[in-house]
């Protein structure tokens, strides 16, 4: 098969995987739809090219699949609960229907209902999400350097997401005072992952903050 044919086959395969993942995500109560625009426009160019139906598909070096799933969530639904349910359902559907190993599923979600937030808060949240997506490789490198005992892939998904947001605020965005960013992240980790997660996040972010001038 020529190079053009191989690339076409890969694209078709990615679209099949993305379609199944999108269907699995939409089965979850509280999911109002797929955010196809965010999947196509935010983050690095290579990942954006794999976007289909609000899902990005990336083949890792160990041949496992990494999925970024962009969803909108009903205003009354709890984001963390919906995101966890989407992760589980996407992994199960992809592995059961295609026989493929899913290494990781990142669910990027926000409330879609009118009146759920003020326009200013919604705009700030959108900028934050876009910034984290666009700088994820840099953020992950900073986290890996700051974590002595835990590799990035060993961290709980919630902890990892909270840390990425905080490190973005502390090292790149710089609009939120460092102390405030750390305290907010500790509370988020404690709320969604437990008291031990709060202490873990505090330790990592303290080391990150010490390197910022």
C-alpha atoms as a PDB file:
ATOM      1  CA  UNK A   1       0.000   0.000   0.000  1.00  0.00           C
ATOM      2  CA  UNK A   2       1.366   3.443  -0.917  1.00  0.00           C
ATOM      3  CA  UNK A   3       1.911   6.166   1.672  1.00  0.00           C
ATOM      4  CA  UNK A   4      -1.291   7.981   0.673  1.00  0.00           C
ATOM      5  CA  UNK A   5      -3.270   4.760   0.997  1.00  0.00           C
ATOM      6  CA  UNK A   6      -1.749   4.024   4.408  1.00  0.00           C
ATOM      7  CA  UNK A   7      -2.565   7.509   5.655  1.00  0.00           C
ATOM      8  CA  UNK A   8      -6.117   7.143   4.383  1.00  0.00           C
ATOM      9  CA  UNK A   9      -6.524   3.817   6.149  1.00  0.00           C
ATOM     10  CA  UNK A  10      -5.254   5.316   9.406  1.00  0.00           C
ATOM     11  CA  UNK A  11      -7.709   8.189   9.095  1.00  0.00           C
ATOM     12  CA  UNK A  12     -10.621   5.817   8.496  1.00  0.00           C
ATOM     13  CA  UNK A  13      -9.551   3.719  11.490  1.00  0.00           C
ATOM     14  CA  UNK A  14      -9.320   6.832  13.679  1.00  0.00           C
ATOM     15  CA  UNK A  15     -12.775   7.957  12.581  1.00  0.00           C
ATOM     16  CA  UNK A  16     -14.272   4.561  13.459  1.00  0.00           C
ATOM     17  CA  UNK A  17     -12.657   4.664  16.905  1.00  0.00           C
ATOM     18  CA  UNK A  18     -13.782   8.279  17.433  1.00  0.00           C
ATOM     19  CA  UNK A  19     -17.342   7.492  16.341  1.00  0.00           C
ATOM     20  CA  UNK A  20     -17.639   4.609  18.800  1.00  0.00           C
ATOM     21  CA  UNK A  21     -16.146   6.719  21.603  1.00  0.00           C
ATOM     22  CA  UNK A  22     -18.553   9.582  20.837  1.00  0.00           C
ATOM     23  CA  UNK A  23     -21.562   7.259  20.870  1.00  0.00           C
ATOM     24  CA  UNK A  24     -20.411   5.772  24.175  1.00  0.00           C
ATOM     25  CA  UNK A  25     -19.967   9.242  25.678  1.00  0.00           C
ATOM     26  CA  UNK A  26     -23.430  10.366  24.606  1.00  0.00           C
ATOM     27  CA  UNK A  27     -25.011   7.326  26.288  1.00  0.00           C
ATOM     28  CA  UNK A  28     -24.132   8.758  29.697  1.00  0.00           C
ATOM     29  CA  UNK A  29     -26.854  10.652  31.547  1.00  0.00           C
ATOM     30  CA  UNK A  30     -25.941  14.322  31.865  1.00  0.00           C
ATOM     31  CA  UNK A  31     -24.013  14.550  28.581  1.00  0.00           C
ATOM     32  CA  UNK A  32     -25.777  17.078  26.354  1.00  0.00           C
ATOM     33  CA  UNK A  33     -23.498  16.653  23.334  1.00  0.00           C
ATOM     34  CA  UNK A  34     -20.010  16.471  21.849  1.00  0.00           C
ATOM     35  CA  UNK A  35     -17.946  19.663  21.573  1.00  0.00           C
ATOM     36  CA  UNK A  36     -16.616  19.155  18.057  1.00  0.00           C
ATOM     37  CA  UNK A  37     -15.388  22.752  17.700  1.00  0.00           C
ATOM     38  CA  UNK A  38     -13.108  22.507  20.732  1.00  0.00           C
ATOM     39  CA  UNK A  39     -11.692  19.186  19.543  1.00  0.00           C
ATOM     40  CA  UNK A  40     -10.837  20.672  16.148  1.00  0.00           C
ATOM     41  CA  UNK A  41      -9.429  24.012  17.208  1.00  0.00           C
ATOM     42  CA  UNK A  42      -7.635  23.774  20.569  1.00  0.00           C
ATOM     43  CA  UNK A  43      -4.246  22.240  21.278  1.00  0.00           C
ATOM     44  CA  UNK A  44      -1.340  21.331  19.041  1.00  0.00           C
ATOM     45  CA  UNK A  45      -1.781  20.917  15.281  1.00  0.00           C
ATOM     46  CA  UNK A  46      -1.064  17.181  15.156  1.00  0.00           C
ATOM     47  CA  UNK A  47      -3.713  16.283  17.717  1.00  0.00           C
ATOM     48  CA  UNK A  48      -6.275  18.593  16.103  1.00  0.00           C
ATOM     49  CA  UNK A  49      -5.943  16.709  12.823  1.00  0.00           C
ATOM     50  CA  UNK A  50      -7.237  13.516  14.451  1.00  0.00           C
ATOM     51  CA  UNK A  51     -10.470  15.123  15.703  1.00  0.00           C
ATOM     52  CA  UNK A  52     -13.723  13.489  14.599  1.00  0.00           C
ATOM     53  CA  UNK A  53     -17.120  13.857  16.252  1.00  0.00           C
ATOM     54  CA  UNK A  54     -15.566  15.603  19.248  1.00  0.00           C
ATOM     55  CA  UNK A  55     -12.942  12.901  19.891  1.00  0.00           C
ATOM     56  CA  UNK A  56      -9.203  12.905  19.214  1.00  0.00           C
ATOM     57  CA  UNK A  57      -7.431   9.595  18.698  1.00  0.00           C
ATOM     58  CA  UNK A  58      -3.710   9.153  19.283  1.00  0.00           C
ATOM     59  CA  UNK A  59      -1.721   5.914  19.012  1.00  0.00           C
ATOM     60  CA  UNK A  60       0.924   5.717  21.742  1.00  0.00           C
ATOM     61  CA  UNK A  61       4.380   4.137  21.449  1.00  0.00           C
ATOM     62  CA  UNK A  62       3.191   1.013  23.292  1.00  0.00           C
ATOM     63  CA  UNK A  63       0.387   0.638  20.696  1.00  0.00           C
ATOM     64  CA  UNK A  64      -2.311   1.601  23.177  1.00  0.00           C
ATOM     65  CA  UNK A  65      -4.803   4.341  22.300  1.00  0.00           C
ATOM     66  CA  UNK A  66      -5.105   7.745  23.951  1.00  0.00           C
ATOM     67  CA  UNK A  67      -8.485   9.439  23.538  1.00  0.00           C
ATOM     68  CA  UNK A  68      -9.403  13.064  24.202  1.00  0.00           C
ATOM     69  CA  UNK A  69     -13.187  13.275  24.536  1.00  0.00           C
ATOM     70  CA  UNK A  70     -14.748  16.750  24.402  1.00  0.00           C
ATOM     71  CA  UNK A  71     -18.260  16.927  25.856  1.00  0.00           C
ATOM     72  CA  UNK A  72     -20.801  19.453  27.047  1.00  0.00           C
ATOM     73  CA  UNK A  73     -22.732  18.621  30.201  1.00  0.00           C
ATOM     74  CA  UNK A  74     -26.219  19.594  31.370  1.00  0.00           C
ATOM     75  CA  UNK A  75     -26.131  22.526  33.797  1.00  0.00           C
ATOM     76  CA  UNK A  76     -27.603  20.524  36.696  1.00  0.00           C
ATOM     77  CA  UNK A  77     -25.213  17.574  36.278  1.00  0.00           C
ATOM     78  CA  UNK A  78     -22.004  17.140  38.289  1.00  0.00           C
ATOM     79  CA  UNK A  79     -18.993  17.395  35.992  1.00  0.00           C
ATOM     80  CA  UNK A  80     -16.753  14.961  37.877  1.00  0.00           C
ATOM     81  CA  UNK A  81     -19.385  12.226  38.059  1.00  0.00           C
ATOM     82  CA  UNK A  82     -20.313  12.589  34.397  1.00  0.00           C
ATOM     83  CA  UNK A  83     -16.650  12.649  33.312  1.00  0.00           C
ATOM     84  CA  UNK A  84     -15.858   9.469  35.272  1.00  0.00           C
ATOM     85  CA  UNK A  85     -18.873   7.681  33.797  1.00  0.00           C
ATOM     86  CA  UNK A  86     -17.879   8.793  30.287  1.00  0.00           C
ATOM     87  CA  UNK A  87     -14.323   7.504  30.804  1.00  0.00           C
ATOM     88  CA  UNK A  88     -15.527   4.088  31.900  1.00  0.00           C
ATOM     89  CA  UNK A  89     -18.097   3.765  29.123  1.00  0.00           C
ATOM     90  CA  UNK A  90     -15.712   4.892  26.383  1.00  0.00           C
ATOM     91  CA  UNK A  91     -13.025   2.421  27.496  1.00  0.00           C
ATOM     92  CA  UNK A  92     -15.500  -0.459  27.709  1.00  0.00           C
ATOM     93  CA  UNK A  93     -17.120   0.280  24.338  1.00  0.00           C
ATOM     94  CA  UNK A  94     -13.832   0.762  22.492  1.00  0.00           C
ATOM     95  CA  UNK A  95     -12.176  -2.342  23.895  1.00  0.00           C
ATOM     96  CA  UNK A  96     -15.281  -4.547  23.601  1.00  0.00           C
ATOM     97  CA  UNK A  97     -16.295  -3.497  20.072  1.00  0.00           C
ATOM     98  CA  UNK A  98     -12.856  -3.099  18.512  1.00  0.00           C
ATOM     99  CA  UNK A  99     -10.619  -5.284  20.661  1.00  0.00           C
ATOM    100  CA  UNK A 100      -8.206  -2.389  21.156  1.00  0.00           C
ATOM    101  CA  UNK A 101      -6.367  -1.499  24.352  1.00  0.00           C
ATOM    102  CA  UNK A 102      -7.213   1.996  25.572  1.00  0.00           C
ATOM    103  CA  UNK A 103      -4.318   3.427  27.537  1.00  0.00           C
ATOM    104  CA  UNK A 104      -5.980   6.647  28.666  1.00  0.00           C
ATOM    105  CA  UNK A 105      -9.157   8.654  28.177  1.00  0.00           C
ATOM    106  CA  UNK A 106      -9.107  12.366  28.966  1.00  0.00           C
ATOM    107  CA  UNK A 107     -12.579  13.878  29.247  1.00  0.00           C
ATOM    108  CA  UNK A 108     -12.761  17.635  28.734  1.00  0.00           C
ATOM    109  CA  UNK A 109     -16.156  18.916  29.796  1.00  0.00           C
ATOM    110  CA  UNK A 110     -18.076  22.028  30.750  1.00  0.00           C
ATOM    111  CA  UNK A 111     -21.642  22.951  31.562  1.00  0.00           C
ATOM    112  CA  UNK A 112     -23.668  23.851  28.510  1.00  0.00           C
ATOM    113  CA  UNK A 113     -26.872  25.133  30.119  1.00  0.00           C
ATOM    114  CA  UNK A 114     -27.727  28.799  29.871  1.00  0.00           C
ATOM    115  CA  UNK A 115     -27.311  30.624  33.137  1.00  0.00           C
ATOM    116  CA  UNK A 116     -24.973  28.019  34.605  1.00  0.00           C
ATOM    117  CA  UNK A 117     -22.238  30.660  34.879  1.00  0.00           C
ATOM    118  CA  UNK A 118     -21.805  34.343  34.166  1.00  0.00           C
ATOM    119  CA  UNK A 119     -20.290  35.246  30.764  1.00  0.00           C
ATOM    120  CA  UNK A 120     -17.059  36.397  32.461  1.00  0.00           C
ATOM    121  CA  UNK A 121     -16.663  33.122  34.347  1.00  0.00           C
ATOM    122  CA  UNK A 122     -17.471  31.087  31.247  1.00  0.00           C
ATOM    123  CA  UNK A 123     -14.918  33.058  29.210  1.00  0.00           C
ATOM    124  CA  UNK A 124     -12.238  32.623  31.893  1.00  0.00           C
ATOM    125  CA  UNK A 125     -12.936  28.892  32.137  1.00  0.00           C
ATOM    126  CA  UNK A 126     -12.777  28.532  28.371  1.00  0.00           C
ATOM    127  CA  UNK A 127      -9.438  30.355  28.197  1.00  0.00           C
ATOM    128  CA  UNK A 128      -8.103  28.161  30.998  1.00  0.00           C
ATOM    129  CA  UNK A 129      -9.137  24.932  29.283  1.00  0.00           C
ATOM    130  CA  UNK A 130      -7.714  26.067  25.945  1.00  0.00           C
ATOM    131  CA  UNK A 131      -4.451  27.106  27.602  1.00  0.00           C
ATOM    132  CA  UNK A 132      -4.039  23.763  29.358  1.00  0.00           C
ATOM    133  CA  UNK A 133      -4.760  21.824  26.164  1.00  0.00           C
ATOM    134  CA  UNK A 134      -2.354  23.914  24.096  1.00  0.00           C
ATOM    135  CA  UNK A 135       0.477  23.557  26.629  1.00  0.00           C
ATOM    136  CA  UNK A 136      -0.133  20.025  27.913  1.00  0.00           C
ATOM    137  CA  UNK A 137       3.280  18.622  26.943  1.00  0.00           C
ATOM    138  CA  UNK A 138       5.088  21.487  28.690  1.00  0.00           C
ATOM    139  CA  UNK A 139       2.870  21.186  31.769  1.00  0.00           C
ATOM    140  CA  UNK A 140       3.440  17.431  31.949  1.00  0.00           C
ATOM    141  CA  UNK A 141       7.202  17.951  31.761  1.00  0.00           C
ATOM    142  CA  UNK A 142       7.040  20.403  34.692  1.00  0.00           C
ATOM    143  CA  UNK A 143       4.923  17.972  36.711  1.00  0.00           C
ATOM    144  CA  UNK A 144       7.266  15.079  36.002  1.00  0.00           C
ATOM    145  CA  UNK A 145      10.208  17.156  37.192  1.00  0.00           C
ATOM    146  CA  UNK A 146       8.387  18.192  40.382  1.00  0.00           C
ATOM    147  CA  UNK A 147       7.183  14.692  41.320  1.00  0.00           C
ATOM    148  CA  UNK A 148       9.851  12.547  42.936  1.00  0.00           C
ATOM    149  CA  UNK A 149       7.852   9.429  43.730  1.00  0.00           C
ATOM    150  CA  UNK A 150       5.029   9.327  41.193  1.00  0.00           C
ATOM    151  CA  UNK A 151       5.231   9.122  37.428  1.00  0.00           C
ATOM    152  CA  UNK A 152       2.628  11.183  35.602  1.00  0.00           C
ATOM    153  CA  UNK A 153       0.744   8.136  34.364  1.00  0.00           C
ATOM    154  CA  UNK A 154       0.570   6.758  37.931  1.00  0.00           C
ATOM    155  CA  UNK A 155      -1.252   9.805  39.282  1.00  0.00           C
ATOM    156  CA  UNK A 156      -5.019   9.658  39.691  1.00  0.00           C
ATOM    157  CA  UNK A 157      -6.751  11.234  36.703  1.00  0.00           C
ATOM    158  CA  UNK A 158      -8.474  13.896  38.801  1.00  0.00           C
ATOM    159  CA  UNK A 159      -5.214  14.827  40.550  1.00  0.00           C
ATOM    160  CA  UNK A 160      -3.405  15.050  37.229  1.00  0.00           C
ATOM    161  CA  UNK A 161      -6.036  17.344  35.717  1.00  0.00           C
ATOM    162  CA  UNK A 162      -6.098  19.607  38.787  1.00  0.00           C
ATOM    163  CA  UNK A 163      -2.294  19.805  38.726  1.00  0.00           C
ATOM    164  CA  UNK A 164      -2.184  20.662  35.023  1.00  0.00           C
ATOM    165  CA  UNK A 165      -4.597  23.550  35.532  1.00  0.00           C
ATOM    166  CA  UNK A 166      -2.679  24.880  38.531  1.00  0.00           C
ATOM    167  CA  UNK A 167       0.724  24.594  36.854  1.00  0.00           C
ATOM    168  CA  UNK A 168      -0.672  26.445  33.835  1.00  0.00           C
ATOM    169  CA  UNK A 169      -1.909  29.240  36.104  1.00  0.00           C
ATOM    170  CA  UNK A 170       1.361  29.409  38.050  1.00  0.00           C
ATOM    171  CA  UNK A 171       3.930  29.110  35.261  1.00  0.00           C
ATOM    172  CA  UNK A 172       2.277  30.353  32.068  1.00  0.00           C
ATOM    173  CA  UNK A 173      -0.913  32.349  32.555  1.00  0.00           C
ATOM    174  CA  UNK A 174       0.220  34.183  35.726  1.00  0.00           C
ATOM    175  CA  UNK A 175      -3.076  36.086  36.141  1.00  0.00           C
ATOM    176  CA  UNK A 176      -4.015  34.306  39.355  1.00  0.00           C
ATOM    177  CA  UNK A 177      -1.722  34.821  42.391  1.00  0.00           C
ATOM    178  CA  UNK A 178       0.348  31.700  43.023  1.00  0.00           C
ATOM    179  CA  UNK A 179      -0.946  31.227  46.581  1.00  0.00           C
ATOM    180  CA  UNK A 180      -4.559  31.479  45.386  1.00  0.00           C
ATOM    181  CA  UNK A 181      -3.962  29.003  42.559  1.00  0.00           C
ATOM    182  CA  UNK A 182      -2.428  26.500  45.000  1.00  0.00           C
ATOM    183  CA  UNK A 183      -5.172  26.882  47.609  1.00  0.00           C
ATOM    184  CA  UNK A 184      -7.944  26.511  45.015  1.00  0.00           C
ATOM    185  CA  UNK A 185      -6.270  23.397  43.610  1.00  0.00           C
ATOM    186  CA  UNK A 186      -5.931  21.832  47.053  1.00  0.00           C
ATOM    187  CA  UNK A 187      -9.653  22.351  47.671  1.00  0.00           C
ATOM    188  CA  UNK A 188     -10.544  20.905  44.267  1.00  0.00           C
ATOM    189  CA  UNK A 189      -8.390  17.837  44.877  1.00  0.00           C
ATOM    190  CA  UNK A 190      -9.872  17.321  48.356  1.00  0.00           C
ATOM    191  CA  UNK A 191     -13.424  17.701  47.030  1.00  0.00           C
ATOM    192  CA  UNK A 192     -13.109  15.346  44.070  1.00  0.00           C
ATOM    193  CA  UNK A 193     -10.344  12.969  45.188  1.00  0.00           C
ATOM    194  CA  UNK A 194     -10.028  13.105  48.999  1.00  0.00           C
ATOM    195  CA  UNK A 195      -7.870  14.663  51.725  1.00  0.00           C
ATOM    196  CA  UNK A 196      -4.766  12.678  50.764  1.00  0.00           C
ATOM    197  CA  UNK A 197      -5.025  14.096  47.236  1.00  0.00           C
ATOM    198  CA  UNK A 198      -5.085  17.604  48.701  1.00  0.00           C
ATOM    199  CA  UNK A 199      -1.803  16.976  50.491  1.00  0.00           C
ATOM    200  CA  UNK A 200      -0.296  15.433  47.362  1.00  0.00           C
ATOM    201  CA  UNK A 201      -1.304  18.403  45.203  1.00  0.00           C
ATOM    202  CA  UNK A 202       0.026  20.842  47.813  1.00  0.00           C
ATOM    203  CA  UNK A 203       3.435  19.157  47.812  1.00  0.00           C
ATOM    204  CA  UNK A 204       3.777  19.100  44.024  1.00  0.00           C
ATOM    205  CA  UNK A 205       2.626  22.690  43.547  1.00  0.00           C
ATOM    206  CA  UNK A 206       4.900  23.908  46.331  1.00  0.00           C
ATOM    207  CA  UNK A 207       7.886  22.540  44.412  1.00  0.00           C
ATOM    208  CA  UNK A 208       6.615  24.040  41.148  1.00  0.00           C
ATOM    209  CA  UNK A 209       6.064  27.453  42.761  1.00  0.00           C
ATOM    210  CA  UNK A 210       9.610  27.428  44.167  1.00  0.00           C
ATOM    211  CA  UNK A 211      11.007  27.354  40.611  1.00  0.00           C
ATOM    212  CA  UNK A 212       8.967  30.351  39.405  1.00  0.00           C
ATOM    213  CA  UNK A 213      10.636  33.743  39.525  1.00  0.00           C
END
